[in-house]
C-alpha atoms as a PDB file:
ATOM      1  CA  ILE A   1      73.285  80.564  39.600  1.00  0.00           C
ATOM      2  CA  GLN A   2      75.811  79.523  37.225  1.00  0.00           C
ATOM      3  CA  ASP A   3      78.059  82.295  37.700  1.00  0.00           C
ATOM      4  CA  LEU A   4      77.457  82.654  41.471  1.00  0.00           C
ATOM      5  CA  ILE A   5      78.878  78.725  42.288  1.00  0.00           C
ATOM      6  CA  SER A   6      80.538  75.976  40.191  1.00  0.00           C
ATOM      7  CA  TYR A   7      80.989  72.396  40.572  1.00  0.00           C
ATOM      8  CA  LYS A   8      84.369  70.919  39.843  1.00  0.00           C
ATOM      9  CA  ASN A   9      85.974  67.823  40.560  1.00  0.00           C
ATOM     10  CA  ASN A  10      83.323  67.030  43.439  1.00  0.00           C
ATOM     11  CA  LYS A  11      83.951  70.748  45.018  1.00  0.00           C
ATOM     12  CA  ILE A  12      81.387  73.832  45.279  1.00  0.00           C
ATOM     13  CA  HIS A  13      83.591  76.870  44.246  1.00  0.00           C
ATOM     14  CA  PHE A  14      81.919  80.421  44.980  1.00  0.00           C
ATOM     15  CA  PHE A  15      82.735  83.183  42.750  1.00  0.00           C
ATOM     16  CA  HIS A  16      83.554  85.466  45.824  1.00  0.00           C
ATOM     17  CA  GLN A  17      84.771  84.965  49.314  1.00  0.00           C
ATOM     18  CA  SER A  18      81.864  87.307  50.543  1.00  0.00           C
ATOM     19  CA  PHE A  19      79.258  85.107  48.981  1.00  0.00           C
ATOM     20  CA  TYR A  20      80.482  81.839  50.378  1.00  0.00           C
ATOM     21  CA  ASP A  21      80.605  83.638  54.135  1.00  0.00           C
ATOM     22  CA  TYR A  22      76.995  84.925  53.548  1.00  0.00           C
ATOM     23  CA  VAL A  23      75.831  81.181  52.504  1.00  0.00           C
ATOM     24  CA  LEU A  24      77.670  79.757  55.552  1.00  0.00           C
ATOM     25  CA  ALA A  25      76.263  82.401  57.884  1.00  0.00           C
ATOM     26  CA  ARG A  26      72.684  81.606  56.602  1.00  0.00           C
ATOM     27  CA  TYR A  27      73.088  78.109  56.587  1.00  0.00           C
ATOM     28  CA  TYR A  28      74.632  78.004  60.393  1.00  0.00           C
ATOM     29  CA  THR A  29      71.968  80.074  61.637  1.00  0.00           C
ATOM     30  CA  GLU A  30      68.755  78.238  59.734  1.00  0.00           C
ATOM     31  CA  ASN A  31      70.453  74.991  61.446  1.00  0.00           C
ATOM     32  CA  SER A  32      71.189  76.285  64.942  1.00  0.00           C
ATOM     33  CA  ILE A  33      74.846  75.473  64.451  1.00  0.00           C
ATOM     34  CA  SER A  34      77.148  77.131  67.069  1.00  0.00           C
ATOM     35  CA  ILE A  35      79.724  79.737  65.184  1.00  0.00           C
ATOM     36  CA  THR A  36      81.922  79.463  68.106  1.00  0.00           C
ATOM     37  CA  LYS A  37      82.109  75.633  67.720  1.00  0.00           C
ATOM     38  CA  TYR A  38      82.914  76.074  64.253  1.00  0.00           C
ATOM     39  CA  ILE A  39      85.602  78.930  65.010  1.00  0.00           C
ATOM     40  CA  ILE A  40      87.197  76.766  67.633  1.00  0.00           C
ATOM     41  CA  SER A  41      87.437  73.896  65.115  1.00  0.00           C
ATOM     42  CA  MET A  42      89.132  75.702  62.588  1.00  0.00           C
ATOM     43  CA  HIS A  43      92.594  77.247  62.394  1.00  0.00           C
ATOM     44  CA  GLN A  44      92.097  80.668  63.542  1.00  0.00           C
ATOM     45  CA  GLY A  45      94.078  82.737  61.133  1.00  0.00           C
ATOM     46  CA  LEU A  46      93.541  85.945  59.261  1.00  0.00           C
ATOM     47  CA  PHE A  47      91.279  84.110  56.640  1.00  0.00           C
ATOM     48  CA  LEU A  48      88.450  83.166  58.898  1.00  0.00           C
ATOM     49  CA  ARG A  49      88.039  87.013  59.893  1.00  0.00           C
ATOM     50  CA  SER A  50      85.592  87.914  57.049  1.00  0.00           C
ATOM     51  CA  THR A  51      83.609  84.461  57.887  1.00  0.00           C
ATOM     52  CA  THR A  52      83.306  85.453  61.311  1.00  0.00           C
ATOM     53  CA  LYS A  53      82.235  88.984  60.677  1.00  0.00           C
ATOM     54  CA  ILE A  54      79.519  88.117  58.558  1.00  0.00           C
ATOM     55  CA  MET A  55      78.369  85.346  60.550  1.00  0.00           C
ATOM     56  CA  VAL A  56      78.030  87.832  63.642  1.00  0.00           C
ATOM     57  CA  ASP A  57      76.332  90.482  61.305  1.00  0.00           C
ATOM     58  CA  TYR A  58      73.867  87.964  59.748  1.00  0.00           C
ATOM     59  CA  LEU A  59      72.858  86.616  63.301  1.00  0.00           C
ATOM     60  CA  ARG A  60      72.330  90.117  64.777  1.00  0.00           C
ATOM     61  CA  GLY A  61      70.084  90.798  61.880  1.00  0.00           C
ATOM     62  CA  HIS A  62      68.223  87.226  61.932  1.00  0.00           C
ATOM     63  CA  ASP A  63      68.405  85.609  65.433  1.00  0.00           C
ATOM     64  CA  ILE A  64      69.054  87.973  68.362  1.00  0.00           C
ATOM     65  CA  ARG A  65      68.662  85.126  70.659  1.00  0.00           C
ATOM     66  CA  ALA A  66      71.580  83.301  68.812  1.00  0.00           C
ATOM     67  CA  TYR A  67      73.524  86.501  68.430  1.00  0.00           C
ATOM     68  CA  LYS A  68      73.661  87.116  72.093  1.00  0.00           C
ATOM     69  CA  THR A  69      74.685  83.439  72.967  1.00  0.00           C
ATOM     70  CA  GLU A  70      77.337  83.340  70.267  1.00  0.00           C
ATOM     71  CA  VAL A  71      78.684  86.821  70.827  1.00  0.00           C
ATOM     72  CA  SER A  72      79.089  86.207  74.415  1.00  0.00           C
ATOM     73  CA  SER A  73      80.656  82.668  73.954  1.00  0.00           C
ATOM     74  CA  LEU A  74      83.167  84.357  71.291  1.00  0.00           C
ATOM     75  CA  LEU A  75      84.146  86.970  73.821  1.00  0.00           C
ATOM     76  CA  THR A  76      84.654  84.680  76.862  1.00  0.00           C
ATOM     77  CA  SER A  77      86.114  81.477  75.589  1.00  0.00           C
ATOM     78  CA  THR A  78      89.622  81.068  76.146  1.00  0.00           C
ATOM     79  CA  ASN A  79      89.842  78.929  72.841  1.00  0.00           C
ATOM     80  CA  ILE A  80      89.052  82.231  70.417  1.00  0.00           C
ATOM     81  CA  ARG A  81      92.282  83.975  69.485  1.00  0.00           C
ATOM     82  CA  LEU A  82      92.206  87.757  70.406  1.00  0.00           C
ATOM     83  CA  HIS A  83      92.243  89.118  66.704  1.00  0.00           C
ATOM     84  CA  LEU A  84      88.806  87.391  66.290  1.00  0.00           C
ATOM     85  CA  LYS A  85      87.462  88.751  69.768  1.00  0.00           C
ATOM     86  CA  LEU A  86      88.668  92.087  68.592  1.00  0.00           C
ATOM     87  CA  LEU A  87      86.776  91.764  65.205  1.00  0.00           C
ATOM     88  CA  VAL A  88      83.645  90.888  67.225  1.00  0.00           C
ATOM     89  CA  LEU A  89      83.621  94.157  69.000  1.00  0.00           C
ATOM     90  CA  ASP A  90      84.321  95.929  65.995  1.00  0.00           C
ATOM     91  CA  VAL A  91      81.262  94.622  64.694  1.00  0.00           C
ATOM     92  CA  ILE A  92      79.425  95.860  68.111  1.00  0.00           C
ATOM     93  CA  ALA A  93      81.419  99.025  67.938  1.00  0.00           C
ATOM     94  CA  SER A  94      79.810  99.921  64.524  1.00  0.00           C
ATOM     95  CA  GLN A  95      76.265  99.463  65.156  1.00  0.00           C
ATOM     96  CA  GLU A  96      74.333 102.682  64.779  1.00  0.00           C
ATOM     97  CA  LYS A  97      71.130 101.347  66.811  1.00  0.00           C
ATOM     98  CA  VAL A  98      72.649  99.590  69.803  1.00  0.00           C
ATOM     99  CA  ILE A  99      70.368  97.042  71.683  1.00  0.00           C
ATOM    100  CA  PRO A 100      69.993  96.905  75.390  1.00  0.00           C
ATOM    101  CA  TRP A 101      71.846  93.706  75.354  1.00  0.00           C
ATOM    102  CA  GLU A 102      74.764  95.152  73.566  1.00  0.00           C
ATOM    103  CA  LYS A 103      74.940  97.928  76.253  1.00  0.00           C
ATOM    104  CA  LYS A 104      74.767  95.393  78.867  1.00  0.00           C
ATOM    105  CA  ALA A 105      77.496  92.839  77.660  1.00  0.00           C
ATOM    106  CA  ILE A 106      79.812  95.834  77.044  1.00  0.00           C
ATOM    107  CA  GLY A 107      79.343  97.534  80.550  1.00  0.00           C
ATOM    108  CA  GLU A 108      80.331  93.865  81.937  1.00  0.00           C
ATOM    109  CA  LEU A 109      83.597  94.140  79.982  1.00  0.00           C
ATOM    110  CA  ILE A 110      84.622  96.735  82.340  1.00  0.00           C
ATOM    111  CA  ASN A 111      84.511  94.414  85.453  1.00  0.00           C
ATOM    112  CA  ASN A 112      85.562  91.209  83.727  1.00  0.00           C
ATOM    113  CA  GLN A 113      87.843  92.031  80.586  1.00  0.00           C
ATOM    114  CA  LYS A 114      89.116  95.630  80.994  1.00  0.00           C
ATOM    115  CA  GLU A 115      91.297  95.587  78.014  1.00  0.00           C
ATOM    116  CA  LEU A 116      88.673  94.314  75.435  1.00  0.00           C
ATOM    117  CA  PHE A 117      86.381  97.162  77.058  1.00  0.00           C
ATOM    118  CA  PHE A 118      89.149  99.772  76.348  1.00  0.00           C
ATOM    119  CA  TYR A 119      89.647  98.432  72.846  1.00  0.00           C
ATOM    120  CA  PHE A 120      86.142  98.487  72.117  1.00  0.00           C
ATOM    121  CA  ILE A 121      85.704 102.414  73.317  1.00  0.00           C
ATOM    122  CA  SER A 122      88.649 103.239  70.964  1.00  0.00           C
ATOM    123  CA  ARG A 123      86.685 101.691  67.994  1.00  0.00           C
ATOM    124  CA  ILE A 124      83.403 103.699  68.479  1.00  0.00           C
ATOM    125  CA  HIS A 125      81.788 106.032  66.037  1.00  0.00           C
ATOM    126  CA  SER A 126      78.203 106.311  66.535  1.00  0.00           C
ATOM    127  CA  VAL A 127      76.476 108.755  68.740  1.00  0.00           C
ATOM    128  CA  GLN A 128      74.611 106.258  70.607  1.00  0.00           C
ATOM    129  CA  TRP A 129      77.667 104.415  71.608  1.00  0.00           C
ATOM    130  CA  PHE A 130      79.272 107.413  72.956  1.00  0.00           C
ATOM    131  CA  GLU A 131      76.380 108.427  74.905  1.00  0.00           C
ATOM    132  CA  ASN A 132      76.302 105.026  76.446  1.00  0.00           C
ATOM    133  CA  VAL A 133      79.815 104.543  77.362  1.00  0.00           C
ATOM    134  CA  LYS A 134      80.857 108.030  78.304  1.00  0.00           C
ATOM    135  CA  TYR A 135      79.338 107.471  81.995  1.00  0.00           C
ATOM    136  CA  ILE A 136      81.733 104.689  82.212  1.00  0.00           C
ATOM    137  CA  ILE A 137      84.794 106.643  81.276  1.00  0.00           C
ATOM    138  CA  ASN A 138      83.863 109.644  83.337  1.00  0.00           C
ATOM    139  CA  ASP A 139      84.066 107.098  86.367  1.00  0.00           C
ATOM    140  CA  TYR A 140      87.572 105.868  85.170  1.00  0.00           C
ATOM    141  CA  ILE A 141      89.053 108.982  83.595  1.00  0.00           C
ATOM    142  CA  HIS A 142      90.299 110.933  86.953  1.00  0.00           C
ATOM    143  CA  SER A 143      92.661 108.060  87.727  1.00  0.00           C
ATOM    144  CA  PHE A 144      94.300 107.949  84.204  1.00  0.00           C
ATOM    145  CA  TYR A 145      97.667 109.210  83.267  1.00  0.00           C
ATOM    146  CA  ILE A 146      99.340 109.141  80.074  1.00  0.00           C
ATOM    147  CA  SER A 147     101.550 106.285  81.072  1.00  0.00           C
ATOM    148  CA  ASN A 148      98.211 104.282  81.750  1.00  0.00           C
ATOM    149  CA  LYS A 149      98.198 101.328  79.398  1.00  0.00           C
ATOM    150  CA  PHE A 150      94.363 102.055  78.478  1.00  0.00           C
ATOM    151  CA  TYR A 151      95.147 105.931  77.863  1.00  0.00           C
ATOM    152  CA  SER A 152      95.407 105.517  74.151  1.00  0.00           C
ATOM    153  CA  TYR A 153      92.284 104.019  73.897  1.00  0.00           C
ATOM    154  CA  ILE A 154      90.386 106.811  75.585  1.00  0.00           C
ATOM    155  CA  MET A 155      92.187 109.323  73.576  1.00  0.00           C
ATOM    156  CA  SER A 156      90.954 107.386  70.448  1.00  0.00           C
ATOM    157  CA  PHE A 157      87.220 107.353  71.790  1.00  0.00           C
ATOM    158  CA  LEU A 158      87.476 111.137  72.451  1.00  0.00           C
ATOM    159  CA  ILE A 159      88.845 111.726  69.152  1.00  0.00           C
ATOM    160  CA  ASN A 160      86.374 109.764  67.441  1.00  0.00           C
ATOM    161  CA  CYS A 161      83.396 111.182  69.413  1.00  0.00           C
ATOM    162  CA  VAL A 162      84.336 114.887  69.782  1.00  0.00           C
ATOM    163  CA  LYS A 163      82.404 115.571  66.688  1.00  0.00           C
ATOM    164  CA  HIS A 164      79.273 114.226  68.047  1.00  0.00           C
ATOM    165  CA  ASN A 165      79.362 116.157  71.109  1.00  0.00           C
ATOM    166  CA  THR A 166      82.279 118.533  71.545  1.00  0.00           C
ATOM    167  CA  GLU A 167      80.927 119.726  74.905  1.00  0.00           C
ATOM    168  CA  THR A 168      80.945 116.171  76.450  1.00  0.00           C
ATOM    169  CA  ALA A 169      84.117 115.221  74.974  1.00  0.00           C
ATOM    170  CA  PHE A 170      85.852 118.235  76.335  1.00  0.00           C
ATOM    171  CA  SER A 171      84.520 118.010  80.039  1.00  0.00           C
ATOM    172  CA  ILE A 172      85.658 114.360  79.953  1.00  0.00           C
ATOM    173  CA  ILE A 173      89.193 115.339  79.056  1.00  0.00           C
ATOM    174  CA  ASP A 174      89.110 118.062  81.848  1.00  0.00           C
ATOM    175  CA  ASN A 175      88.511 115.275  84.203  1.00  0.00           C
ATOM    176  CA  ILE A 176      91.943 113.727  83.555  1.00  0.00           C
END
């Protein structure tokens, strides 16, 4: 422990930011403290990104009920800055094993927060996510033009996922 933390001038110092983030995530989870409230109380600059990411990841692995609550709050709160919402979506998009609640939450974005949904699909790299959102994309793709503001997100989605299912990716492209 001596090399992990130090105590100087009545302050605890961690050897690395990621260790601090982990300890904070674990503390907040074990004590049922809202991550959303913590983030809202802070200046939401770039320094908060690593903390937010590890807290969301930690919750997903240790308290799925709290994970659902916090992710919903983070994505819908008007007091959370956009770059942190996008980071939360990056965490979800990076999951290889998608849980049913995540599918539902992302599916609801298409109706409530379209821009967040299309950002999300541009970040997908997993086969499971591709399979889950391709039907939603198929419903919207026929009305898209290059000038559509979401067009680049769909193209990123297709480029990222073409290696998983080339035939499906090209069938979606044919519907444009």
